């Protein structure tokens, strides 16, 4: 025999690893879906923020090279939060008014209602979901693998 057969315990360990990887990728899918929904403005209550100061960060890579702080404005801003500064990553300038939403994990995200933002959010959600489906398929394949025969028949 050219290929050494695995024992049943080894197959169960491989199945467990594929299952854990599936669970991890499903968690990543949920996070990217929520982030895309916040960024496109589909989730969360939007509020207007006037930017007070923007600090450019050199050497950082990414879409938003500036970290800005601002103050909520308008009727949606409660009086207590009018004094609390809002931090948002946005390539803006002081004095500019930006729409932001508060995310579930406590940060503020600048919204963008363009079709490209929506399409990017959907595409980035489908990538880990596809990986999770493939890992689940591999876990099922390992779980349904027949054990080797236990002697002569």
Protein backbone atom coordinates (compact mmCIF):
# COMPACT_ATOMS: atom_id res chain seq x y z
CA UNK A 1 0.00 0.00 0.00
CA UNK A 2 1.48 3.33 -1.06
CA UNK A 3 -0.62 5.60 1.13
CA UNK A 4 -0.73 5.16 4.87
CA UNK A 5 -4.27 5.25 6.20
CA UNK A 6 -5.14 7.54 9.06
CA UNK A 7 -6.62 6.30 12.27
CA UNK A 8 -10.16 7.30 13.23
CA UNK A 9 -9.00 9.63 16.02
CA UNK A 10 -6.85 11.52 13.56
CA UNK A 11 -9.84 11.98 11.25
CA UNK A 12 -11.88 13.39 14.13
CA UNK A 13 -9.09 15.85 14.96
CA UNK A 14 -8.98 17.03 11.36
CA UNK A 15 -12.76 17.41 11.41
CA UNK A 16 -12.51 19.48 14.59
CA UNK A 17 -9.91 21.79 13.05
CA UNK A 18 -12.06 22.35 9.95
CA UNK A 19 -15.08 23.06 12.19
CA UNK A 20 -13.17 25.60 14.28
CA UNK A 21 -11.92 27.32 11.14
CA UNK A 22 -15.51 27.45 9.87
CA UNK A 23 -16.67 29.10 13.10
CA UNK A 24 -13.84 31.65 12.92
CA UNK A 25 -14.67 32.55 9.32
CA UNK A 26 -18.36 32.92 10.19
CA UNK A 27 -17.39 35.39 12.93
CA UNK A 28 -15.27 37.34 10.43
CA UNK A 29 -18.24 37.31 8.03
CA UNK A 30 -20.52 38.77 10.70
CA UNK A 31 -18.01 41.52 11.53
CA UNK A 32 -17.44 42.50 7.89
CA UNK A 33 -21.18 42.53 7.22
CA UNK A 34 -21.79 44.81 10.20
CA UNK A 35 -18.89 47.09 9.27
CA UNK A 36 -20.12 47.40 5.69
CA UNK A 37 -23.66 48.14 6.89
CA UNK A 38 -22.39 50.88 9.22
CA UNK A 39 -20.16 52.38 6.54
CA UNK A 40 -22.98 52.52 3.98
CA UNK A 41 -25.41 53.94 6.55
CA UNK A 42 -27.78 50.94 6.56
CA UNK A 43 -27.29 50.35 10.32
CA UNK A 44 -27.16 52.85 13.14
CA UNK A 45 -28.58 56.30 13.66
CA UNK A 46 -26.81 58.93 11.61
CA UNK A 47 -25.81 62.16 13.24
CA UNK A 48 -24.10 65.20 11.83
CA UNK A 49 -20.69 66.15 13.20
CA UNK A 50 -18.73 69.32 12.56
CA UNK A 51 -15.01 68.56 12.43
CA UNK A 52 -13.00 70.66 14.84
CA UNK A 53 -9.50 69.38 14.24
CA UNK A 54 -7.92 66.84 11.90
CA UNK A 55 -4.54 65.27 12.44
CA UNK A 56 -2.76 63.77 9.45
CA UNK A 57 -0.94 60.54 10.24
CA UNK A 58 2.19 59.96 8.22
CA UNK A 59 3.26 56.46 7.39
CA UNK A 60 -0.21 54.95 7.80
CA UNK A 61 -1.75 53.03 4.97
CA UNK A 62 -5.47 52.83 4.34
CA UNK A 63 -8.43 54.70 3.03
CA UNK A 64 -8.55 57.44 5.66
CA UNK A 65 -5.19 59.06 6.37
CA UNK A 66 -6.56 61.56 8.94
CA UNK A 67 -7.95 61.18 12.44
CA UNK A 68 -10.49 63.91 13.14
CA UNK A 69 -12.36 65.00 16.23
CA UNK A 70 -15.66 66.80 16.04
CA UNK A 71 -18.77 67.91 17.88
CA UNK A 72 -22.31 66.58 17.18
CA UNK A 73 -24.73 69.19 15.84
CA UNK A 74 -28.42 69.34 15.04
CA UNK A 75 -31.60 68.23 16.80
CA UNK A 76 -30.47 64.58 16.92
CA UNK A 77 -27.58 65.44 19.26
CA UNK A 78 -28.64 65.25 22.92
CA UNK A 79 -27.38 68.11 25.13
CA UNK A 80 -25.19 65.76 27.20
CA UNK A 81 -23.28 64.53 24.16
CA UNK A 82 -22.77 68.04 22.78
CA UNK A 83 -19.73 68.38 25.04
CA UNK A 84 -18.25 64.96 24.27
CA UNK A 85 -15.89 65.00 21.29
CA UNK A 86 -16.41 62.42 18.55
CA UNK A 87 -13.36 60.75 16.98
CA UNK A 88 -13.70 59.62 13.38
CA UNK A 89 -11.24 58.59 10.67
CA UNK A 90 -12.08 60.79 7.72
CA UNK A 91 -9.93 62.62 5.15
CA UNK A 92 -11.58 65.96 5.90
CA UNK A 93 -10.71 69.47 6.98
CA UNK A 94 -11.72 71.43 10.09
CA UNK A 95 -15.12 73.08 9.67
CA UNK A 96 -16.49 70.37 7.40
CA UNK A 97 -19.80 68.70 8.38
CA UNK A 98 -19.81 64.88 8.17
CA UNK A 99 -22.48 62.22 8.74
CA UNK A 100 -21.34 59.53 11.18
CA UNK A 101 -22.88 56.50 12.90
CA UNK A 102 -21.84 54.91 16.18
CA UNK A 103 -20.85 51.28 15.71
CA UNK A 104 -21.66 48.43 18.09
CA UNK A 105 -18.01 48.21 19.14
CA UNK A 106 -17.89 51.86 20.27
CA UNK A 107 -16.22 53.77 17.44
CA UNK A 108 -17.73 56.27 15.03
CA UNK A 109 -17.74 55.53 11.30
CA UNK A 110 -18.18 58.15 8.58
CA UNK A 111 -21.01 57.13 6.25
CA UNK A 112 -20.87 57.05 2.49
CA UNK A 113 -24.09 56.37 0.58
CA UNK A 114 -22.48 55.60 -2.77
CA UNK A 115 -23.13 52.43 -4.74
CA UNK A 116 -19.43 51.61 -4.70
CA UNK A 117 -19.36 51.53 -0.88
CA UNK A 118 -22.39 49.24 -0.84
CA UNK A 119 -20.85 46.91 -3.47
CA UNK A 120 -17.53 46.79 -1.62
CA UNK A 121 -19.32 45.92 1.63
CA UNK A 122 -21.21 43.07 -0.05
CA UNK A 123 -18.10 41.74 -1.82
CA UNK A 124 -15.95 41.83 1.33
CA UNK A 125 -18.70 39.96 3.20
CA UNK A 126 -18.87 37.23 0.56
CA UNK A 127 -15.14 36.44 0.74
CA UNK A 128 -15.04 35.00 4.29
CA UNK A 129 -18.50 33.48 3.79
CA UNK A 130 -17.18 31.52 0.81
CA UNK A 131 -14.19 30.39 2.85
CA UNK A 132 -16.51 29.30 5.67
CA UNK A 133 -18.61 27.27 3.23
CA UNK A 134 -15.51 25.53 1.88
CA UNK A 135 -14.23 24.76 5.38
CA UNK A 136 -17.65 23.41 6.39
CA UNK A 137 -17.60 21.19 3.32
CA UNK A 138 -14.19 19.83 4.30
CA UNK A 139 -15.37 19.23 7.88
CA UNK A 140 -18.39 17.28 6.61
CA UNK A 141 -16.17 15.29 4.25
CA UNK A 142 -13.87 14.31 7.12
CA UNK A 143 -16.79 13.48 9.41
CA UNK A 144 -18.45 11.22 6.83
CA UNK A 145 -15.26 9.43 5.86
CA UNK A 146 -15.70 5.69 6.27
CA UNK A 147 -13.42 3.95 8.71
CA UNK A 148 -11.02 1.40 7.24
CA UNK A 149 -12.16 -2.25 7.38
CA UNK A 150 -11.16 -4.07 10.58
CA UNK A 151 -9.93 -7.30 9.07
CA UNK A 152 -10.62 -9.68 6.23
CA UNK A 153 -14.09 -10.19 5.01
